PDB file of N, CA and C in Angstrom:
ATOM      1  N   MET A   1       0.776  -1.201  -0.027  1.00  0.00           N
ATOM      2  CA  MET A   1       0.147  -0.027   0.104  1.00  0.00           C
ATOM      3  C   MET A   1       0.670   1.296   0.156  1.00  0.00           C
ATOM      4  N   ARG A   2       0.986   2.002  -0.939  1.00  0.00           N
ATOM      5  CA  ARG A   2       1.673   3.451  -1.218  1.00  0.00           C
ATOM      6  C   ARG A   2       0.569   4.640  -0.720  1.00  0.00           C
ATOM      7  N   ILE A   3       1.324   5.124   0.664  1.00  0.00           N
ATOM      8  CA  ILE A   3       0.421   6.234   1.103  1.00  0.00           C
ATOM      9  C   ILE A   3       1.194   7.527   0.965  1.00  0.00           C
ATOM     10  N   ASP A   4       0.468   8.571   0.206  1.00  0.00           N
ATOM     11  CA  ASP A   4       1.369   9.823  -0.139  1.00  0.00           C
ATOM     12  C   ASP A   4       1.393  10.616   0.863  1.00  0.00           C
ATOM     13  N   ILE A   5       2.793  11.040   1.439  1.00  0.00           N
ATOM     14  CA  ILE A   5       2.224  11.631   2.740  1.00  0.00           C
ATOM     15  C   ILE A   5       2.077  13.103   2.621  1.00  0.00           C
ATOM     16  N   SER A   6       2.210  13.443   1.476  1.00  0.00           N
ATOM     17  CA  SER A   6       1.957  14.946   1.138  1.00  0.00           C
ATOM     18  C   SER A   6       0.484  15.305   1.769  1.00  0.00           C
ATOM     19  N   LYS A   7      -0.424  14.436   1.635  1.00  0.00           N
ATOM     20  CA  LYS A   7      -1.629  14.422   2.516  1.00  0.00           C
ATOM     21  C   LYS A   7      -1.785  15.162   3.686  1.00  0.00           C
ATOM     22  N   PHE A   8      -0.476  14.884   4.661  1.00  0.00           N
ATOM     23  CA  PHE A   8      -0.713  15.687   5.621  1.00  0.00           C
ATOM     24  C   PHE A   8      -0.052  16.720   5.556  1.00  0.00           C
ATOM     25  N   GLY A   9       0.533  17.683   4.606  1.00  0.00           N
ATOM     26  CA  GLY A   9       1.070  18.736   4.181  1.00  0.00           C
ATOM     27  C   GLY A   9       2.347  18.758   3.430  1.00  0.00           C
ATOM     28  N   GLU A  10       2.632  20.174   3.041  1.00  0.00           N
ATOM     29  CA  GLU A  10       4.119  20.061   2.236  1.00  0.00           C
ATOM     30  C   GLU A  10       5.022  20.220   3.008  1.00  0.00           C
ATOM     31  N   SER A  11       5.267  21.082   4.301  1.00  0.00           N
ATOM     32  CA  SER A  11       5.926  21.356   5.428  1.00  0.00           C
ATOM     33  C   SER A  11       5.571  20.278   6.950  1.00  0.00           C
ATOM     34  N   LEU A  12       6.700  19.520   6.802  1.00  0.00           N
ATOM     35  CA  LEU A  12       5.693  18.575   8.181  1.00  0.00           C
ATOM     36  C   LEU A  12       7.018  19.034   9.198  1.00  0.00           C
ATOM     37  N   LEU A  13       6.238  19.003  10.076  1.00  0.00           N
ATOM     38  CA  LEU A  13       7.227  20.545  11.216  1.00  0.00           C
ATOM     39  C   LEU A  13       7.369  19.601  12.508  1.00  0.00           C
ATOM     40  N   SER A  14       6.428  19.706  13.089  1.00  0.00           N
ATOM     41  CA  SER A  14       6.695  18.955  14.632  1.00  0.00           C
ATOM     42  C   SER A  14       6.413  17.879  14.918  1.00  0.00           C
ATOM     43  N   ARG A  15       6.652  17.383  16.323  1.00  0.00           N
ATOM     44  CA  ARG A  15       6.546  16.361  16.550  1.00  0.00           C
ATOM     45  C   ARG A  15       5.153  15.621  16.734  1.00  0.00           C
ATOM     46  N   PRO A  16       4.271  16.575  18.112  1.00  0.00           N
ATOM     47  CA  PRO A  16       2.955  16.372  18.192  1.00  0.00           C
ATOM     48  C   PRO A  16       2.527  16.018  17.130  1.00  0.00           C
ATOM     49  N   VAL A  17       2.671  16.683  15.390  1.00  0.00           N
ATOM     50  CA  VAL A  17       1.778  16.410  14.623  1.00  0.00           C
ATOM     51  C   VAL A  17       2.077  15.215  13.786  1.00  0.00           C
ATOM     52  N   GLY A  18       3.726  15.022  13.760  1.00  0.00           N
ATOM     53  CA  GLY A  18       3.804  13.821  13.043  1.00  0.00           C
ATOM     54  C   GLY A  18       3.332  12.708  14.124  1.00  0.00           C
ATOM     55  N   ARG A  19       2.830  12.559  15.246  1.00  0.00           N
ATOM     56  CA  ARG A  19       2.235  11.523  16.039  1.00  0.00           C
ATOM     57  C   ARG A  19       0.945  11.533  15.780  1.00  0.00           C
ATOM     58  N   GLU A  20       0.179  12.515  15.363  1.00  0.00           N
ATOM     59  CA  GLU A  20      -0.903  12.969  15.013  1.00  0.00           C
ATOM     60  C   GLU A  20      -1.254  12.068  13.960  1.00  0.00           C
ATOM     61  N   ALA A  21      -0.711  12.544  13.113  1.00  0.00           N
ATOM     62  CA  ALA A  21      -0.857  12.091  11.618  1.00  0.00           C
ATOM     63  C   ALA A  21      -0.501  10.319  11.376  1.00  0.00           C
ATOM     64  N   ALA A  22       0.401  10.113  12.154  1.00  0.00           N
ATOM     65  CA  ALA A  22       0.703   8.800  12.183  1.00  0.00           C
ATOM     66  C   ALA A  22      -0.726   7.622  12.945  1.00  0.00           C
ATOM     67  N   LEU A  23      -1.339   8.607  13.870  1.00  0.00           N
ATOM     68  CA  LEU A  23      -2.612   7.681  14.585  1.00  0.00           C
ATOM     69  C   LEU A  23      -3.273   7.893  13.854  1.00  0.00           C
ATOM     70  N   ALA A  24      -3.907   8.915  12.745  1.00  0.00           N
ATOM     71  CA  ALA A  24      -4.800   9.200  12.129  1.00  0.00           C
ATOM     72  C   ALA A  24      -4.884   8.294  10.854  1.00  0.00           C
ATOM     73  N   LEU A  25      -3.626   8.049  10.348  1.00  0.00           N
ATOM     74  CA  LEU A  25      -3.226   6.933   9.463  1.00  0.00           C
ATOM     75  C   LEU A  25      -3.561   5.536   9.577  1.00  0.00           C
ATOM     76  N   GLN A  26      -3.010   5.085  10.596  1.00  0.00           N
ATOM     77  CA  GLN A  26      -3.449   3.728  11.258  1.00  0.00           C
ATOM     78  C   GLN A  26      -4.855   3.456  11.611  1.00  0.00           C
ATOM     79  N   ALA A  27      -5.594   4.972  12.117  1.00  0.00           N
ATOM     80  CA  ALA A  27      -7.062   4.358  12.372  1.00  0.00           C
ATOM     81  C   ALA A  27      -7.771   4.427  10.836  1.00  0.00           C
ATOM     82  N   ASN A  28      -7.448   5.291  10.342  1.00  0.00           N
ATOM     83  CA  ASN A  28      -8.135   5.443   8.484  1.00  0.00           C
ATOM     84  C   ASN A  28      -8.269   4.552   7.593  1.00  0.00           C
ATOM     85  N   VAL A  29      -6.610   4.626   7.546  1.00  0.00           N
ATOM     86  CA  VAL A  29      -6.175   3.864   6.094  1.00  0.00           C
ATOM     87  C   VAL A  29      -5.690   2.574   6.624  1.00  0.00           C
ATOM     88  N   LEU A  30      -4.743   2.439   7.759  1.00  0.00           N
ATOM     89  CA  LEU A  30      -3.785   1.167   7.652  1.00  0.00           C
ATOM     90  C   LEU A  30      -4.769   0.093   8.602  1.00  0.00           C
ATOM     91  N   ARG A  31      -6.092   0.606   8.743  1.00  0.00           N
ATOM     92  CA  ARG A  31      -6.882  -0.759   9.470  1.00  0.00           C
ATOM     93  C   ARG A  31      -7.199  -1.883   8.403  1.00  0.00           C
ATOM     94  N   ASN A  32      -7.295  -1.438   6.891  1.00  0.00           N
ATOM     95  CA  ASN A  32      -7.364  -2.101   6.116  1.00  0.00           C
ATOM     96  C   ASN A  32      -6.436  -3.159   5.472  1.00  0.00           C
ATOM     97  N   LEU A  33      -5.244  -2.718   6.296  1.00  0.00           N
ATOM     98  CA  LEU A  33      -3.904  -3.081   5.575  1.00  0.00           C
ATOM     99  C   LEU A  33      -3.681  -4.809   6.454  1.00  0.00           C
ATOM    100  N   LYS A  34      -3.544  -5.441   4.228  1.00  0.00           N
ATOM    101  CA  LYS A  34      -3.629  -7.055   4.981  1.00  0.00           C
ATOM    102  C   LYS A  34      -2.315  -7.618   5.635  1.00  0.00           C
ATOM    103  N   GLU A  35      -2.290  -8.776   6.230  1.00  0.00           N
ATOM    104  CA  GLU A  35      -1.330  -9.210   6.523  1.00  0.00           C
ATOM    105  C   GLU A  35      -0.110  -9.555   5.858  1.00  0.00           C
ATOM    106  N   GLY A  36       1.173  -8.727   5.755  1.00  0.00           N
ATOM    107  CA  GLY A  36       2.079  -8.999   5.510  1.00  0.00           C
ATOM    108  C   GLY A  36       2.300  -7.998   4.366  1.00  0.00           C
ATOM    109  N   GLU A  37       1.307  -7.159   3.671  1.00  0.00           N
ATOM    110  CA  GLU A  37       1.472  -6.317   2.861  1.00  0.00           C
ATOM    111  C   GLU A  37       2.105  -4.890   3.395  1.00  0.00           C
ATOM    112  N   ILE A  38       3.039  -4.507   2.501  1.00  0.00           N
ATOM    113  CA  ILE A  38       4.060  -3.713   2.541  1.00  0.00           C
ATOM    114  C   ILE A  38       3.558  -2.105   2.724  1.00  0.00           C
ATOM    115  N   VAL A  39       4.009  -1.417   3.586  1.00  0.00           N
ATOM    116  CA  VAL A  39       3.388   0.278   3.528  1.00  0.00           C
ATOM    117  C   VAL A  39       4.621   1.006   3.305  1.00  0.00           C
ATOM    118  N   GLU A  40       4.472   1.284   1.684  1.00  0.00           N
ATOM    119  CA  GLU A  40       5.339   2.132   0.917  1.00  0.00           C
ATOM    120  C   GLU A  40       4.865   4.147   1.172  1.00  0.00           C
ATOM    121  N   LEU A  41       6.124   4.719   1.994  1.00  0.00           N
ATOM    122  CA  LEU A  41       5.575   6.021   2.553  1.00  0.00           C
ATOM    123  C   LEU A  41       6.317   6.901   1.418  1.00  0.00           C
ATOM    124  N   ASP A  42       5.552   7.771   0.114  1.00  0.00           N
ATOM    125  CA  ASP A  42       5.830   8.680  -0.540  1.00  0.00           C
ATOM    126  C   ASP A  42       6.171  10.134  -0.399  1.00  0.00           C
ATOM    127  N   PHE A  43       7.418  10.284   0.005  1.00  0.00           N
ATOM    128  CA  PHE A  43       7.547  11.766   0.542  1.00  0.00           C
ATOM    129  C   PHE A  43       7.672  12.706  -0.443  1.00  0.00           C
ATOM    130  N   GLY A  44       7.366  12.097  -1.797  1.00  0.00           N
ATOM    131  CA  GLY A  44       8.061  12.828  -3.139  1.00  0.00           C
ATOM    132  C   GLY A  44       7.534  14.375  -3.437  1.00  0.00           C
ATOM    133  N   LYS A  45       6.267  15.089  -2.607  1.00  0.00           N
ATOM    134  CA  LYS A  45       5.452  15.893  -2.801  1.00  0.00           C
ATOM    135  C   LYS A  45       5.699  16.664  -1.846  1.00  0.00           C
ATOM    136  N   VAL A  46       6.710  16.323  -0.821  1.00  0.00           N
ATOM    137  CA  VAL A  46       6.792  17.161   0.323  1.00  0.00           C
ATOM    138  C   VAL A  46       7.840  18.137   0.165  1.00  0.00           C
ATOM    139  N   LEU A  47       7.890  19.456   0.885  1.00  0.00           N
ATOM    140  CA  LEU A  47       8.952  20.585   0.620  1.00  0.00           C
ATOM    141  C   LEU A  47       9.417  20.300   1.954  1.00  0.00           C
ATOM    142  N   VAL A  48       9.347  20.218   2.957  1.00  0.00           N
ATOM    143  CA  VAL A  48       9.846  20.488   4.501  1.00  0.00           C
ATOM    144  C   VAL A  48      10.106  19.137   5.205  1.00  0.00           C
ATOM    145  N   LEU A  49      10.592  18.149   5.405  1.00  0.00           N
ATOM    146  CA  LEU A  49      10.387  17.349   6.624  1.00  0.00           C
ATOM    147  C   LEU A  49      11.260  17.792   7.862  1.00  0.00           C
ATOM    148  N   THR A  50      10.935  17.961   8.923  1.00  0.00           N
ATOM    149  CA  THR A  50      12.075  17.953  10.035  1.00  0.00           C
ATOM    150  C   THR A  50      12.285  16.689  10.664  1.00  0.00           C
ATOM    151  N   PRO A  51      13.193  16.398  11.593  1.00  0.00           N
ATOM    152  CA  PRO A  51      13.363  15.283  12.263  1.00  0.00           C
ATOM    153  C   PRO A  51      12.659  14.762  12.943  1.00  0.00           C
ATOM    154  N   SER A  52      11.948  15.873  13.631  1.00  0.00           N
ATOM    155  CA  SER A  52      10.774  15.832  14.861  1.00  0.00           C
ATOM    156  C   SER A  52       9.505  14.992  14.158  1.00  0.00           C
ATOM    157  N   TRP A  53       9.286  15.415  13.063  1.00  0.00           N
ATOM    158  CA  TRP A  53       7.990  14.723  12.479  1.00  0.00           C
ATOM    159  C   TRP A  53       8.476  13.761  12.031  1.00  0.00           C
ATOM    160  N   GLY A  54       9.416  13.377  11.284  1.00  0.00           N
ATOM    161  CA  GLY A  54       9.696  12.382  10.338  1.00  0.00           C
ATOM    162  C   GLY A  54      10.102  10.853  11.572  1.00  0.00           C
ATOM    163  N   ASP A  55      10.949  11.392  12.566  1.00  0.00           N
ATOM    164  CA  ASP A  55      10.982  10.623  13.849  1.00  0.00           C
ATOM    165  C   ASP A  55       9.841  10.179  14.874  1.00  0.00           C
ATOM    166  N   GLU A  56       8.848  10.849  14.995  1.00  0.00           N
ATOM    167  CA  GLU A  56       7.676  10.953  15.379  1.00  0.00           C
ATOM    168  C   GLU A  56       6.705   9.784  14.499  1.00  0.00           C
ATOM    169  N   PHE A  57       6.639  10.354  13.518  1.00  0.00           N
ATOM    170  CA  PHE A  57       5.909   9.623  12.135  1.00  0.00           C
ATOM    171  C   PHE A  57       6.093   8.101  11.922  1.00  0.00           C
ATOM    172  N   ILE A  58       7.394   7.578  11.922  1.00  0.00           N
ATOM    173  CA  ILE A  58       7.818   6.452  11.188  1.00  0.00           C
ATOM    174  C   ILE A  58       8.351   5.866  12.548  1.00  0.00           C
ATOM    175  N   SER A  59       8.458   6.445  13.548  1.00  0.00           N
ATOM    176  CA  SER A  59       8.573   5.577  14.981  1.00  0.00           C
ATOM    177  C   SER A  59       7.144   4.939  15.068  1.00  0.00           C
ATOM    178  N   VAL A  60       5.889   5.792  15.413  1.00  0.00           N
ATOM    179  CA  VAL A  60       4.551   5.147  15.293  1.00  0.00           C
ATOM    180  C   VAL A  60       4.685   3.892  14.528  1.00  0.00           C
ATOM    181  N   LEU A  61       4.550   4.201  13.607  1.00  0.00           N
ATOM    182  CA  LEU A  61       4.403   3.021  12.381  1.00  0.00           C
ATOM    183  C   LEU A  61       4.982   2.134  12.622  1.00  0.00           C
ATOM    184  N   ARG A  62       6.578   2.205  12.969  1.00  0.00           N
ATOM    185  CA  ARG A  62       7.854   1.160  13.322  1.00  0.00           C
ATOM    186  C   ARG A  62       7.332   0.199  14.162  1.00  0.00           C
ATOM    187  N   GLU A  63       6.524   0.880  15.345  1.00  0.00           N
ATOM    188  CA  GLU A  63       6.362  -0.227  16.663  1.00  0.00           C
ATOM    189  C   GLU A  63       5.408  -1.003  16.194  1.00  0.00           C
ATOM    190  N   LYS A  64       4.287  -0.620  14.868  1.00  0.00           N
ATOM    191  CA  LYS A  64       3.093  -1.248  15.067  1.00  0.00           C
ATOM    192  C   LYS A  64       3.833  -2.533  13.713  1.00  0.00           C
ATOM    193  N   TYR A  65       4.174  -1.944  12.499  1.00  0.00           N
ATOM    194  CA  TYR A  65       4.552  -2.711  11.384  1.00  0.00           C
ATOM    195  C   TYR A  65       5.831  -2.962  11.203  1.00  0.00           C
ATOM    196  N   GLY A  66       6.671  -2.626  12.043  1.00  0.00           N
ATOM    197  CA  GLY A  66       8.251  -3.102  11.573  1.00  0.00           C
ATOM    198  C   GLY A  66       8.356  -2.712  10.308  1.00  0.00           C
ATOM    199  N   ASP A  67       9.717  -3.941   9.914  1.00  0.00           N
ATOM    200  CA  ASP A  67      10.122  -3.417   8.583  1.00  0.00           C
ATOM    201  C   ASP A  67       8.669  -3.433   7.382  1.00  0.00           C
ATOM    202  N   ARG A  68       8.088  -3.845   7.584  1.00  0.00           N
ATOM    203  CA  ARG A  68       7.117  -3.649   6.611  1.00  0.00           C
ATOM    204  C   ARG A  68       6.894  -2.381   6.272  1.00  0.00           C
ATOM    205  N   VAL A  69       7.328  -1.097   6.935  1.00  0.00           N
ATOM    206  CA  VAL A  69       6.998   0.204   6.674  1.00  0.00           C
ATOM    207  C   VAL A  69       8.383   0.618   6.032  1.00  0.00           C
ATOM    208  N   ARG A  70       8.458   1.015   4.696  1.00  0.00           N
ATOM    209  CA  ARG A  70       9.523   1.234   3.588  1.00  0.00           C
ATOM    210  C   ARG A  70       9.549   2.631   3.111  1.00  0.00           C
ATOM    211  N   MET A  71      10.054   3.651   3.204  1.00  0.00           N
ATOM    212  CA  MET A  71      10.363   4.594   1.995  1.00  0.00           C
ATOM    213  C   MET A  71      10.851   4.584   0.753  1.00  0.00           C
ATOM    214  N   LEU A  72       9.735   5.215   0.001  1.00  0.00           N
ATOM    215  CA  LEU A  72      10.184   5.613  -1.273  1.00  0.00           C
ATOM    216  C   LEU A  72      11.705   6.528  -1.497  1.00  0.00           C
ATOM    217  N   PRO A  73      11.938   6.143  -2.544  1.00  0.00           N
ATOM    218  CA  PRO A  73      13.356   7.179  -2.778  1.00  0.00           C
ATOM    219  C   PRO A  73      12.797   8.512  -2.998  1.00  0.00           C
ATOM    220  N   SER A  74      13.505   9.826  -2.608  1.00  0.00           N
ATOM    221  CA  SER A  74      13.137  11.202  -3.384  1.00  0.00           C
ATOM    222  C   SER A  74      14.443  11.586  -2.955  1.00  0.00           C
ATOM    223  N   ASP A  75      14.398  13.022  -3.874  1.00  0.00           N
ATOM    224  CA  ASP A  75      15.331  14.059  -4.164  1.00  0.00           C
ATOM    225  C   ASP A  75      15.688  14.784  -3.549  1.00  0.00           C
ATOM    226  N   ASN A  76      14.891  15.166  -3.095  1.00  0.00           N
ATOM    227  CA  ASN A  76      14.667  16.400  -1.768  1.00  0.00           C
ATOM    228  C   ASN A  76      15.380  16.311  -0.664  1.00  0.00           C
ATOM    229  N   PRO A  77      16.514  17.190  -0.702  1.00  0.00           N
ATOM    230  CA  PRO A  77      17.470  17.201   0.498  1.00  0.00           C
ATOM    231  C   PRO A  77      16.937  17.127   1.872  1.00  0.00           C
ATOM    232  N   SER A  78      15.768  17.523   1.995  1.00  0.00           N
ATOM    233  CA  SER A  78      15.126  17.654   3.207  1.00  0.00           C
ATOM    234  C   SER A  78      14.722  16.364   3.993  1.00  0.00           C
ATOM    235  N   VAL A  79      14.180  15.551   2.879  1.00  0.00           N
ATOM    236  CA  VAL A  79      13.516  14.420   3.243  1.00  0.00           C
ATOM    237  C   VAL A  79      14.888  13.733   3.403  1.00  0.00           C
ATOM    238  N   GLN A  80      15.886  13.851   2.784  1.00  0.00           N
ATOM    239  CA  GLN A  80      17.056  12.758   2.583  1.00  0.00           C
ATOM    240  C   GLN A  80      18.210  13.131   3.725  1.00  0.00           C
ATOM    241  N   LEU A  81      18.291  14.273   4.459  1.00  0.00           N
ATOM    242  CA  LEU A  81      18.910  14.782   5.563  1.00  0.00           C
ATOM    243  C   LEU A  81      17.839  14.180   6.805  1.00  0.00           C
ATOM    244  N   THR A  82      16.683  14.361   6.965  1.00  0.00           N
ATOM    245  CA  THR A  82      15.687  13.792   7.838  1.00  0.00           C
ATOM    246  C   THR A  82      15.988  12.383   8.108  1.00  0.00           C
ATOM    247  N   PHE A  83      15.835  11.526   7.020  1.00  0.00           N
ATOM    248  CA  PHE A  83      15.999   9.933   6.925  1.00  0.00           C
ATOM    249  C   PHE A  83      17.462   9.415   7.863  1.00  0.00           C
ATOM    250  N   LYS A  84      18.792  10.460   7.168  1.00  0.00           N
ATOM    251  CA  LYS A  84      19.807  10.141   8.241  1.00  0.00           C
ATOM    252  C   LYS A  84      19.637  10.609   9.598  1.00  0.00           C
ATOM    253  N   THR A  85      19.288  11.723   9.957  1.00  0.00           N
ATOM    254  CA  THR A  85      19.537  12.049  11.048  1.00  0.00           C
ATOM    255  C   THR A  85      18.295  11.315  12.022  1.00  0.00           C
ATOM    256  N   ILE A  86      17.209  10.288  11.605  1.00  0.00           N
ATOM    257  CA  ILE A  86      16.665   9.752  12.740  1.00  0.00           C
ATOM    258  C   ILE A  86      16.807   8.162  12.121  1.00  0.00           C
ATOM    259  N   GLY A  87      18.425   7.985  11.332  1.00  0.00           N
ATOM    260  CA  GLY A  87      18.351   6.777  11.790  1.00  0.00           C
ATOM    261  C   GLY A  87      18.018   5.944  10.326  1.00  0.00           C
ATOM    262  N   GLU A  88      17.155   6.415   9.682  1.00  0.00           N
ATOM    263  CA  GLU A  88      16.604   5.337   8.482  1.00  0.00           C
ATOM    264  C   GLU A  88      17.641   5.094   7.094  1.00  0.00           C
ATOM    265  N   LYS A  89      17.465   3.992   6.736  1.00  0.00           N
ATOM    266  CA  LYS A  89      18.100   4.144   5.383  1.00  0.00           C
ATOM    267  C   LYS A  89      17.526   5.134   4.401  1.00  0.00           C
ATOM    268  N   VAL A  90      18.429   5.859   3.745  1.00  0.00           N
ATOM    269  CA  VAL A  90      18.042   6.740   2.557  1.00  0.00           C
ATOM    270  C   VAL A  90      17.731   5.637   1.062  1.00  0.00           C
ATOM    271  N   PRO A  91      16.805   5.728   0.610  1.00  0.00           N
ATOM    272  CA  PRO A  91      16.390   4.865  -0.212  1.00  0.00           C
ATOM    273  C   PRO A  91      17.007   5.341  -1.445  1.00  0.00           C
ATOM    274  N   ALA A  92      17.657   4.267  -2.273  1.00  0.00           N
ATOM    275  CA  ALA A  92      18.419   4.963  -3.273  1.00  0.00           C
ATOM    276  C   ALA A  92      17.147   5.186  -4.639  1.00  0.00           C
TER     277      ALA A  92
END
């Protein structure tokens, strides 16, 4: 299942908003996720991603879905740097 992260905004800034976005995604979209299905996070239309938002959003999803959560490649330096900062592999 591919998730367009820009649905949560183009500038993703704060930890509380990242947590709220992750919980909303779980309640409204991921509840229909099939067992073993991969969750692809598409940051392609995001302009600004801070480590606070990214860490909170991704860690909430990782707690429940583990390695099934995958980031799609992005050429945005803000997204790439955030992935590095929070210890996520930067997809090629």
